[in-house]
């Protein structure tokens, strides 16, 4: 039987991806919260590594719809740590 590997840091991967895509859309946490229908504090907590893991699939789905990416991307380790994308994002900020 094939060994299954689970990402022990999946919540941090999700948090980083939410923040990354929110920033790429030039959206504040408050704007995301309003569009998703949640409090700004809750969105801030979702993005914080210091807060307990307490967000639902429904919340992740709503965030992915508002930010315009597939739900699968939010779980992607490659998305959270894609150096090329990070560099492109920084260049777009500097050149704006």
Foldseek 3Di string as FASTA:
>chain_A
DDDDDDDPPQLQLLLLLLVVLCVLVVHDLCRLCVQLVHHSVVSVLSNDPVHDDDDDPSSLCSSCVVSVHDSVLSRDSCSSPVPVVVVVSVVVVVVD
